[in-house]
């Protein structure tokens, strides 16, 4: 295993489910598939962390209206 990688343990049943998904997606290996999924999740979460809640959005709109920038 490469120096920049770590081992993790997962239940066999989970591995088997992921293996089926990886085969369906024609991934090179279960490991590659898991890394791809985790990277995608990390990027999505990072992008979502910049999203405003509905409450925050309403506060911004109210403030812009008070300043005369919105009707």
Protein backbone atom coordinates (compact mmCIF):
# COMPACT_ATOMS: atom_id res chain seq x y z
CA UNK A 1 0.00 0.00 0.00
CA UNK A 2 1.31 3.45 -0.88
CA UNK A 3 2.63 5.78 1.80
CA UNK A 4 -0.14 8.30 1.20
CA UNK A 5 -2.92 5.75 1.90
CA UNK A 6 -4.44 4.31 5.06
CA UNK A 7 -6.29 1.07 5.67
CA UNK A 8 -9.79 0.99 7.05
CA UNK A 9 -11.97 -1.91 8.13
CA UNK A 10 -15.58 -2.25 7.10
CA UNK A 11 -18.05 -5.05 7.68
CA UNK A 12 -17.96 -7.79 5.06
CA UNK A 13 -21.64 -7.27 4.27
CA UNK A 14 -20.98 -3.59 3.53
CA UNK A 15 -18.02 -4.49 1.35
CA UNK A 16 -20.14 -6.94 -0.63
CA UNK A 17 -22.83 -4.32 -1.23
CA UNK A 18 -20.24 -1.79 -2.36
CA UNK A 19 -18.60 -4.41 -4.57
CA UNK A 20 -21.90 -4.97 -6.39
CA UNK A 21 -22.31 -1.23 -6.92
CA UNK A 22 -18.71 -0.90 -8.11
CA UNK A 23 -19.22 -3.69 -10.63
CA UNK A 24 -22.45 -2.10 -11.84
CA UNK A 25 -20.62 1.22 -12.32
CA UNK A 26 -17.69 -0.60 -13.98
CA UNK A 27 -15.23 0.80 -11.45
CA UNK A 28 -11.67 -0.49 -11.61
CA UNK A 29 -11.84 -1.78 -8.05
CA UNK A 30 -13.88 -1.49 -4.89
CA UNK A 31 -11.19 0.76 -3.42
CA UNK A 32 -11.32 3.13 -6.42
CA UNK A 33 -15.10 3.24 -6.21
CA UNK A 34 -15.09 4.06 -2.49
CA UNK A 35 -12.48 6.80 -2.97
CA UNK A 36 -14.53 8.29 -5.82
CA UNK A 37 -17.69 8.31 -3.67
CA UNK A 38 -15.93 9.85 -0.69
CA UNK A 39 -14.27 12.54 -2.78
CA UNK A 40 -17.62 13.39 -4.38
CA UNK A 41 -19.28 13.61 -0.95
CA UNK A 42 -16.52 15.83 0.42
CA UNK A 43 -16.81 18.21 -2.55
CA UNK A 44 -20.61 18.33 -2.28
CA UNK A 45 -20.44 19.06 1.43
CA UNK A 46 -17.85 21.77 0.85
CA UNK A 47 -20.07 23.40 -1.76
CA UNK A 48 -23.13 23.17 0.49
CA UNK A 49 -21.29 24.83 3.36
CA UNK A 50 -21.50 28.06 1.36
CA UNK A 51 -25.25 27.80 0.90
CA UNK A 52 -27.54 30.07 2.87
CA UNK A 53 -30.39 28.68 4.90
CA UNK A 54 -33.84 29.92 3.96
CA UNK A 55 -33.82 32.01 7.13
CA UNK A 56 -30.48 33.59 6.23
CA UNK A 57 -31.69 34.28 2.71
CA UNK A 58 -34.81 36.02 4.01
CA UNK A 59 -32.72 38.17 6.36
CA UNK A 60 -30.49 39.25 3.48
CA UNK A 61 -33.52 40.05 1.31
CA UNK A 62 -35.10 42.10 4.11
CA UNK A 63 -31.86 44.02 4.61
CA UNK A 64 -31.50 44.70 0.86
CA UNK A 65 -35.11 45.93 0.77
CA UNK A 66 -34.46 48.20 3.76
CA UNK A 67 -31.42 49.62 1.94
CA UNK A 68 -33.49 50.22 -1.18
CA UNK A 69 -31.78 47.63 -3.39
CA UNK A 70 -34.88 45.45 -3.76
CA UNK A 71 -38.59 46.10 -4.06
